[in-house]
N, C-alpha and C. Protein backbone atom coordinates (compact mmCIF):
# COMPACT_ATOMS: atom_id res chain seq x y z
N MET A 1 -2.67 54.59 28.57
CA MET A 1 -2.89 54.83 27.17
C MET A 1 -2.34 53.68 26.32
N PHE A 2 -1.09 53.30 26.53
CA PHE A 2 -0.49 52.19 25.80
C PHE A 2 -0.28 51.04 26.77
N LYS A 3 -1.17 50.05 26.74
CA LYS A 3 -1.02 48.89 27.62
C LYS A 3 0.04 47.95 27.08
N SER A 4 0.10 47.82 25.74
CA SER A 4 1.08 46.90 25.16
C SER A 4 1.72 47.54 23.93
N ILE A 5 3.01 47.29 23.83
CA ILE A 5 3.83 47.88 22.76
C ILE A 5 4.57 46.75 22.04
N LEU A 6 4.55 46.78 20.74
CA LEU A 6 5.37 45.86 19.94
C LEU A 6 6.51 46.68 19.36
N VAL A 7 7.73 46.24 19.58
CA VAL A 7 8.89 46.91 18.98
C VAL A 7 9.53 45.94 17.99
N ALA A 8 9.69 46.40 16.76
CA ALA A 8 10.34 45.60 15.72
C ALA A 8 11.84 45.70 15.95
N TYR A 9 12.51 44.55 16.09
CA TYR A 9 13.91 44.55 16.49
C TYR A 9 14.74 43.63 15.60
N ASP A 10 15.81 44.20 15.00
CA ASP A 10 16.72 43.37 14.21
C ASP A 10 18.19 43.61 14.60
N ASN A 11 18.41 44.24 15.75
CA ASN A 11 19.72 44.55 16.29
C ASN A 11 20.50 45.55 15.45
N SER A 12 19.82 46.29 14.59
CA SER A 12 20.45 47.37 13.82
C SER A 12 20.37 48.64 14.65
N GLU A 13 21.09 49.67 14.25
CA GLU A 13 21.02 50.95 14.95
C GLU A 13 19.59 51.49 14.98
N PRO A 14 18.85 51.49 13.85
CA PRO A 14 17.46 51.98 13.92
C PRO A 14 16.59 51.19 14.90
N SER A 15 16.78 49.87 14.96
CA SER A 15 15.94 49.09 15.87
C SER A 15 16.37 49.29 17.33
N ARG A 16 17.64 49.57 17.57
CA ARG A 16 18.07 49.87 18.94
C ARG A 16 17.47 51.21 19.40
N ARG A 17 17.38 52.18 18.48
CA ARG A 17 16.70 53.45 18.81
C ARG A 17 15.23 53.19 19.12
N ALA A 18 14.60 52.33 18.32
CA ALA A 18 13.19 51.99 18.55
C ALA A 18 13.00 51.29 19.89
N LEU A 19 13.92 50.40 20.24
CA LEU A 19 13.85 49.71 21.52
C LEU A 19 13.94 50.71 22.68
N GLU A 20 14.84 51.66 22.56
CA GLU A 20 14.99 52.68 23.60
C GLU A 20 13.72 53.53 23.71
N ARG A 21 13.13 53.90 22.57
CA ARG A 21 11.89 54.68 22.60
C ARG A 21 10.75 53.87 23.20
N ALA A 22 10.66 52.58 22.85
CA ALA A 22 9.63 51.71 23.41
C ALA A 22 9.81 51.58 24.92
N ALA A 23 11.05 51.50 25.38
CA ALA A 23 11.33 51.42 26.81
C ALA A 23 10.84 52.68 27.53
N GLY A 24 11.11 53.83 26.93
CA GLY A 24 10.64 55.08 27.53
C GLY A 24 9.13 55.16 27.62
N LEU A 25 8.45 54.72 26.58
CA LEU A 25 6.98 54.70 26.60
C LEU A 25 6.47 53.72 27.66
N ALA A 26 7.10 52.54 27.71
CA ALA A 26 6.67 51.53 28.67
C ALA A 26 6.85 52.02 30.11
N GLU A 27 7.95 52.71 30.36
CA GLU A 27 8.17 53.26 31.70
C GLU A 27 7.13 54.34 32.02
N ALA A 28 6.82 55.16 31.05
CA ALA A 28 5.87 56.25 31.27
C ALA A 28 4.44 55.76 31.47
N PHE A 29 4.06 54.70 30.74
CA PHE A 29 2.67 54.25 30.76
C PHE A 29 2.46 52.91 31.48
N GLY A 30 3.53 52.30 31.98
CA GLY A 30 3.39 51.00 32.63
C GLY A 30 3.02 49.90 31.65
N SER A 31 3.52 50.01 30.43
CA SER A 31 3.18 49.08 29.35
C SER A 31 4.04 47.82 29.39
N THR A 32 3.53 46.78 28.77
CA THR A 32 4.33 45.60 28.49
C THR A 32 4.89 45.77 27.08
N VAL A 33 6.05 45.14 26.83
CA VAL A 33 6.70 45.28 25.53
C VAL A 33 6.94 43.90 24.92
N LEU A 34 6.58 43.78 23.67
CA LEU A 34 6.85 42.59 22.88
C LEU A 34 7.98 42.93 21.92
N VAL A 35 9.12 42.27 22.08
CA VAL A 35 10.28 42.50 21.21
C VAL A 35 10.20 41.47 20.08
N ALA A 36 9.89 41.95 18.87
CA ALA A 36 9.65 41.05 17.73
C ALA A 36 10.80 41.10 16.74
N SER A 37 11.34 39.93 16.45
CA SER A 37 12.37 39.81 15.43
C SER A 37 11.84 38.91 14.31
N ILE A 38 11.85 39.43 13.11
CA ILE A 38 11.35 38.69 11.95
C ILE A 38 12.51 38.40 11.02
N ALA A 39 12.79 37.13 10.81
CA ALA A 39 13.84 36.73 9.87
C ALA A 39 13.20 36.64 8.49
N PRO A 40 13.63 37.50 7.57
CA PRO A 40 13.01 37.49 6.24
C PRO A 40 13.37 36.24 5.46
N VAL A 41 12.42 35.79 4.66
CA VAL A 41 12.67 34.69 3.75
C VAL A 41 13.34 35.29 2.53
N VAL A 42 14.53 34.81 2.21
CA VAL A 42 15.28 35.37 1.09
C VAL A 42 15.20 34.38 -0.08
N HIS A 43 14.69 34.89 -1.19
CA HIS A 43 14.60 34.07 -2.40
C HIS A 43 15.75 34.46 -3.32
N SER A 44 16.38 33.47 -3.88
CA SER A 44 17.47 33.79 -4.81
C SER A 44 17.31 32.93 -6.06
N HIS A 45 17.91 33.40 -7.09
CA HIS A 45 17.91 32.70 -8.36
C HIS A 45 19.32 32.20 -8.58
N PRO A 46 19.49 30.97 -9.11
CA PRO A 46 20.84 30.43 -9.26
C PRO A 46 21.78 31.31 -10.08
N ARG A 47 21.24 32.09 -11.01
CA ARG A 47 22.10 32.93 -11.84
C ARG A 47 22.19 34.37 -11.34
N ALA A 48 21.52 34.65 -10.23
CA ALA A 48 21.56 36.01 -9.70
C ALA A 48 22.92 36.28 -9.06
N PRO A 49 23.43 37.52 -9.21
CA PRO A 49 24.70 37.84 -8.57
C PRO A 49 24.56 37.81 -7.05
N ALA A 50 25.65 37.54 -6.39
CA ALA A 50 25.64 37.51 -4.92
C ALA A 50 25.29 38.89 -4.38
N THR A 51 24.50 38.90 -3.32
CA THR A 51 24.11 40.16 -2.69
C THR A 51 25.16 40.53 -1.65
N PRO A 52 25.70 41.75 -1.73
CA PRO A 52 26.66 42.17 -0.70
C PRO A 52 26.03 42.15 0.69
N ASP A 53 26.84 41.89 1.71
CA ASP A 53 26.33 41.83 3.09
C ASP A 53 25.57 43.08 3.48
N THR A 54 25.99 44.24 2.98
CA THR A 54 25.33 45.50 3.36
C THR A 54 23.91 45.59 2.82
N GLU A 55 23.58 44.79 1.81
CA GLU A 55 22.23 44.84 1.22
C GLU A 55 21.36 43.70 1.68
N ARG A 56 21.91 42.72 2.39
CA ARG A 56 21.11 41.59 2.85
C ARG A 56 20.19 42.04 3.97
N PRO A 57 18.98 41.46 4.02
CA PRO A 57 18.06 41.80 5.10
C PRO A 57 18.67 41.43 6.45
N LYS A 58 18.45 42.28 7.44
CA LYS A 58 18.96 42.02 8.78
C LYS A 58 17.88 41.36 9.62
N PHE A 59 18.32 40.58 10.59
CA PHE A 59 17.42 40.08 11.61
C PHE A 59 18.25 39.75 12.84
N ALA A 60 17.60 39.79 13.97
CA ALA A 60 18.28 39.54 15.23
C ALA A 60 18.34 38.04 15.50
N THR A 61 19.43 37.61 16.12
CA THR A 61 19.53 36.22 16.55
C THR A 61 18.72 36.05 17.83
N SER A 62 18.52 34.82 18.24
CA SER A 62 17.82 34.55 19.51
C SER A 62 18.53 35.23 20.66
N GLU A 63 19.85 35.21 20.63
CA GLU A 63 20.63 35.85 21.70
C GLU A 63 20.42 37.36 21.70
N ASP A 64 20.33 37.97 20.51
CA ASP A 64 20.06 39.42 20.42
C ASP A 64 18.72 39.75 21.03
N VAL A 65 17.72 38.96 20.71
CA VAL A 65 16.36 39.20 21.23
C VAL A 65 16.36 39.01 22.75
N ASP A 66 17.05 37.97 23.22
CA ASP A 66 17.13 37.74 24.67
C ASP A 66 17.80 38.92 25.38
N ARG A 67 18.89 39.44 24.79
CA ARG A 67 19.58 40.59 25.40
C ARG A 67 18.67 41.83 25.42
N ALA A 68 17.97 42.07 24.31
CA ALA A 68 17.07 43.23 24.24
C ALA A 68 15.96 43.10 25.28
N THR A 69 15.39 41.91 25.40
CA THR A 69 14.33 41.67 26.37
C THR A 69 14.87 41.83 27.79
N GLU A 70 16.05 41.29 28.04
CA GLU A 70 16.67 41.40 29.37
C GLU A 70 16.95 42.86 29.74
N THR A 71 17.36 43.66 28.75
CA THR A 71 17.58 45.09 28.99
C THR A 71 16.31 45.75 29.51
N LEU A 72 15.18 45.40 28.89
CA LEU A 72 13.90 45.97 29.33
C LEU A 72 13.52 45.49 30.72
N VAL A 73 13.67 44.19 30.96
CA VAL A 73 13.32 43.61 32.26
C VAL A 73 14.18 44.25 33.36
N ASN A 74 15.46 44.49 33.06
CA ASN A 74 16.34 45.13 34.04
C ASN A 74 15.90 46.55 34.37
N ARG A 75 15.13 47.16 33.50
CA ARG A 75 14.58 48.50 33.75
C ARG A 75 13.21 48.43 34.42
N GLY A 76 12.78 47.23 34.78
CA GLY A 76 11.50 47.07 35.47
C GLY A 76 10.31 46.96 34.53
N ILE A 77 10.56 46.67 33.26
CA ILE A 77 9.51 46.59 32.24
C ILE A 77 9.18 45.12 31.98
N THR A 78 7.90 44.79 31.95
CA THR A 78 7.49 43.44 31.57
C THR A 78 7.69 43.30 30.07
N ALA A 79 8.52 42.33 29.68
CA ALA A 79 8.86 42.19 28.25
C ALA A 79 8.91 40.72 27.86
N GLU A 80 8.64 40.49 26.58
CA GLU A 80 8.68 39.15 26.00
C GLU A 80 9.29 39.25 24.62
N GLY A 81 10.15 38.30 24.30
CA GLY A 81 10.72 38.24 22.95
C GLY A 81 9.95 37.24 22.12
N VAL A 82 9.80 37.55 20.85
CA VAL A 82 9.15 36.63 19.92
C VAL A 82 9.89 36.68 18.60
N GLU A 83 10.09 35.51 18.01
CA GLU A 83 10.78 35.42 16.73
C GLU A 83 9.87 34.74 15.72
N ASP A 84 9.97 35.20 14.47
CA ASP A 84 9.16 34.63 13.41
C ASP A 84 9.95 34.70 12.12
N THR A 85 9.46 34.05 11.11
CA THR A 85 10.07 34.08 9.79
C THR A 85 9.01 34.49 8.79
N GLY A 86 9.40 35.35 7.85
CA GLY A 86 8.46 35.77 6.82
C GLY A 86 8.81 37.14 6.29
N GLU A 87 7.90 37.71 5.53
CA GLU A 87 8.09 39.06 5.02
C GLU A 87 7.92 39.99 6.22
N PRO A 88 8.95 40.80 6.55
CA PRO A 88 8.93 41.56 7.80
C PRO A 88 7.68 42.41 8.03
N ALA A 89 7.28 43.24 7.09
CA ALA A 89 6.14 44.13 7.32
C ALA A 89 4.86 43.33 7.57
N SER A 90 4.62 42.32 6.78
CA SER A 90 3.41 41.50 6.96
C SER A 90 3.43 40.77 8.29
N SER A 91 4.59 40.24 8.64
CA SER A 91 4.71 39.49 9.90
C SER A 91 4.52 40.40 11.10
N ILE A 92 5.07 41.60 11.05
CA ILE A 92 4.90 42.56 12.15
C ILE A 92 3.42 42.94 12.28
N ALA A 93 2.77 43.24 11.15
CA ALA A 93 1.35 43.60 11.18
C ALA A 93 0.50 42.45 11.72
N LYS A 94 0.79 41.25 11.29
CA LYS A 94 0.04 40.07 11.75
C LYS A 94 0.22 39.87 13.25
N LEU A 95 1.44 40.00 13.72
CA LEU A 95 1.73 39.84 15.14
C LEU A 95 1.04 40.93 15.97
N ALA A 96 1.05 42.16 15.47
CA ALA A 96 0.38 43.27 16.16
C ALA A 96 -1.11 42.98 16.29
N GLU A 97 -1.71 42.46 15.24
CA GLU A 97 -3.13 42.13 15.25
C GLU A 97 -3.42 40.97 16.21
N GLN A 98 -2.61 39.90 16.12
CA GLN A 98 -2.82 38.74 16.98
C GLN A 98 -2.69 39.07 18.46
N ARG A 99 -1.73 39.92 18.79
CA ARG A 99 -1.47 40.25 20.19
C ARG A 99 -2.28 41.46 20.67
N GLY A 100 -2.98 42.13 19.77
CA GLY A 100 -3.80 43.27 20.15
C GLY A 100 -3.01 44.40 20.77
N VAL A 101 -1.85 44.69 20.21
CA VAL A 101 -1.02 45.75 20.78
C VAL A 101 -1.62 47.12 20.50
N ASP A 102 -1.25 48.08 21.33
CA ASP A 102 -1.76 49.44 21.18
C ASP A 102 -0.91 50.29 20.26
N VAL A 103 0.39 49.96 20.17
CA VAL A 103 1.29 50.74 19.32
C VAL A 103 2.44 49.85 18.86
N VAL A 104 2.86 50.06 17.63
CA VAL A 104 4.05 49.42 17.08
C VAL A 104 5.12 50.49 17.00
N VAL A 105 6.31 50.19 17.54
CA VAL A 105 7.44 51.10 17.47
C VAL A 105 8.46 50.47 16.55
N ILE A 106 8.87 51.22 15.53
CA ILE A 106 9.78 50.68 14.53
C ILE A 106 10.77 51.76 14.11
N GLY A 107 12.00 51.39 13.93
CA GLY A 107 13.03 52.34 13.52
C GLY A 107 13.04 52.53 12.01
N SER A 108 13.40 53.73 11.61
CA SER A 108 13.51 54.05 10.19
C SER A 108 14.98 54.07 9.80
N ARG A 109 15.28 53.47 8.67
CA ARG A 109 16.65 53.46 8.16
C ARG A 109 16.96 54.72 7.35
N GLY A 110 15.97 55.57 7.13
CA GLY A 110 16.20 56.78 6.36
C GLY A 110 16.40 56.51 4.88
N LEU A 111 15.56 55.64 4.32
CA LEU A 111 15.67 55.30 2.91
C LEU A 111 15.35 56.50 2.03
N GLY A 112 15.91 56.51 0.87
CA GLY A 112 15.63 57.56 -0.10
C GLY A 112 14.29 57.35 -0.78
N ALA A 113 13.88 58.32 -1.58
CA ALA A 113 12.58 58.28 -2.24
C ALA A 113 12.45 57.08 -3.17
N VAL A 114 13.50 56.74 -3.90
CA VAL A 114 13.44 55.61 -4.84
C VAL A 114 13.21 54.31 -4.09
N GLN A 115 13.92 54.11 -2.98
CA GLN A 115 13.75 52.89 -2.21
C GLN A 115 12.34 52.80 -1.64
N ARG A 116 11.79 53.94 -1.20
CA ARG A 116 10.42 53.93 -0.67
C ARG A 116 9.43 53.59 -1.78
N VAL A 117 9.62 54.16 -2.97
CA VAL A 117 8.72 53.89 -4.10
C VAL A 117 8.77 52.42 -4.48
N LEU A 118 9.95 51.82 -4.38
CA LEU A 118 10.11 50.40 -4.72
C LEU A 118 9.58 49.48 -3.62
N GLY A 119 9.03 50.07 -2.57
CA GLY A 119 8.42 49.27 -1.52
C GLY A 119 9.41 48.66 -0.54
N GLN A 120 10.58 49.27 -0.40
CA GLN A 120 11.60 48.70 0.47
C GLN A 120 11.57 49.25 1.89
N SER A 121 10.63 50.10 2.21
CA SER A 121 10.55 50.66 3.54
C SER A 121 9.61 49.84 4.40
N VAL A 122 10.17 49.05 5.32
CA VAL A 122 9.35 48.22 6.20
C VAL A 122 8.49 49.11 7.09
N SER A 123 9.07 50.19 7.62
CA SER A 123 8.31 51.05 8.54
C SER A 123 7.09 51.66 7.85
N GLN A 124 7.24 52.12 6.62
CA GLN A 124 6.11 52.70 5.89
C GLN A 124 5.05 51.64 5.59
N THR A 125 5.49 50.45 5.21
CA THR A 125 4.55 49.38 4.91
C THR A 125 3.79 48.96 6.15
N VAL A 126 4.49 48.83 7.28
CA VAL A 126 3.82 48.48 8.53
C VAL A 126 2.77 49.53 8.87
N SER A 127 3.12 50.81 8.71
CA SER A 127 2.17 51.87 9.06
C SER A 127 0.88 51.81 8.24
N ARG A 128 0.97 51.27 7.04
CA ARG A 128 -0.23 51.14 6.20
C ARG A 128 -1.04 49.89 6.53
N ARG A 129 -0.40 48.88 7.13
CA ARG A 129 -1.07 47.59 7.32
C ARG A 129 -1.67 47.37 8.70
N VAL A 130 -1.21 48.07 9.71
CA VAL A 130 -1.71 47.81 11.06
C VAL A 130 -2.90 48.71 11.38
N ARG A 131 -3.68 48.27 12.35
CA ARG A 131 -4.87 49.03 12.77
C ARG A 131 -4.62 49.81 14.04
N CYS A 132 -3.41 49.69 14.57
CA CYS A 132 -3.08 50.44 15.79
C CYS A 132 -2.15 51.59 15.43
N ASP A 133 -1.78 52.37 16.43
CA ASP A 133 -0.83 53.46 16.20
C ASP A 133 0.54 52.90 15.86
N VAL A 134 1.30 53.68 15.11
CA VAL A 134 2.67 53.31 14.76
C VAL A 134 3.56 54.51 15.06
N LEU A 135 4.64 54.24 15.77
CA LEU A 135 5.64 55.27 16.04
C LEU A 135 6.89 54.89 15.25
N ILE A 136 7.21 55.70 14.25
CA ILE A 136 8.41 55.48 13.44
C ILE A 136 9.51 56.35 14.02
N VAL A 137 10.57 55.72 14.51
CA VAL A 137 11.67 56.43 15.15
C VAL A 137 12.72 56.73 14.08
N HIS A 138 12.84 58.01 13.76
CA HIS A 138 13.78 58.45 12.73
C HIS A 138 15.13 58.76 13.34
N PRO A 139 16.19 58.65 12.54
CA PRO A 139 17.52 59.05 13.04
C PRO A 139 17.52 60.55 13.34
N GLY A 140 18.19 60.93 14.38
CA GLY A 140 18.26 62.34 14.75
C GLY A 140 19.63 62.90 14.51
N PRO A 141 19.83 64.17 14.82
CA PRO A 141 21.11 64.83 14.61
C PRO A 141 22.26 64.16 15.35
N GLU A 142 21.93 63.52 16.47
CA GLU A 142 23.00 62.86 17.23
C GLU A 142 23.57 61.66 16.49
N HIS A 143 22.90 61.23 15.42
CA HIS A 143 23.38 60.10 14.62
C HIS A 143 24.00 60.57 13.31
N GLY A 144 24.28 61.85 13.22
CA GLY A 144 24.94 62.38 12.03
C GLY A 144 24.02 62.71 10.87
N ASP A 145 22.71 62.60 11.07
CA ASP A 145 21.76 62.89 10.01
C ASP A 145 21.17 64.28 10.21
N LYS A 146 20.72 64.88 9.13
CA LYS A 146 20.10 66.20 9.21
C LYS A 146 18.62 66.12 9.04
């Protein structure tokens, strides 16, 4: 059913959950996995206040992507890491299209309604832009969320 899976990975807790879910799917269906890390382009204005670290966009380093890919390979899954720079949702959608993946797996940070309305939800934006299935991995009770 799923020959190829793209997992959006930035080494955050939501993306680690997505990686684990992608691994489970790959094991079940014999899929290959593309571990994609997109470094966002950050625009700033000289007079803009500094952005706290907690609000800065996250992205995985090359070493993070290598470790994630190695984790999959150690489980017997064919995996490849890919890194890109750009607007995360657009880059993920473009990569999914270029590689012809069957499903995109992406973690949800559990943003509030205001953040979603302001267009800050990468997972929601990806789900609107890709032509393949999207699995959004939400935080569960084991992560302290209800």
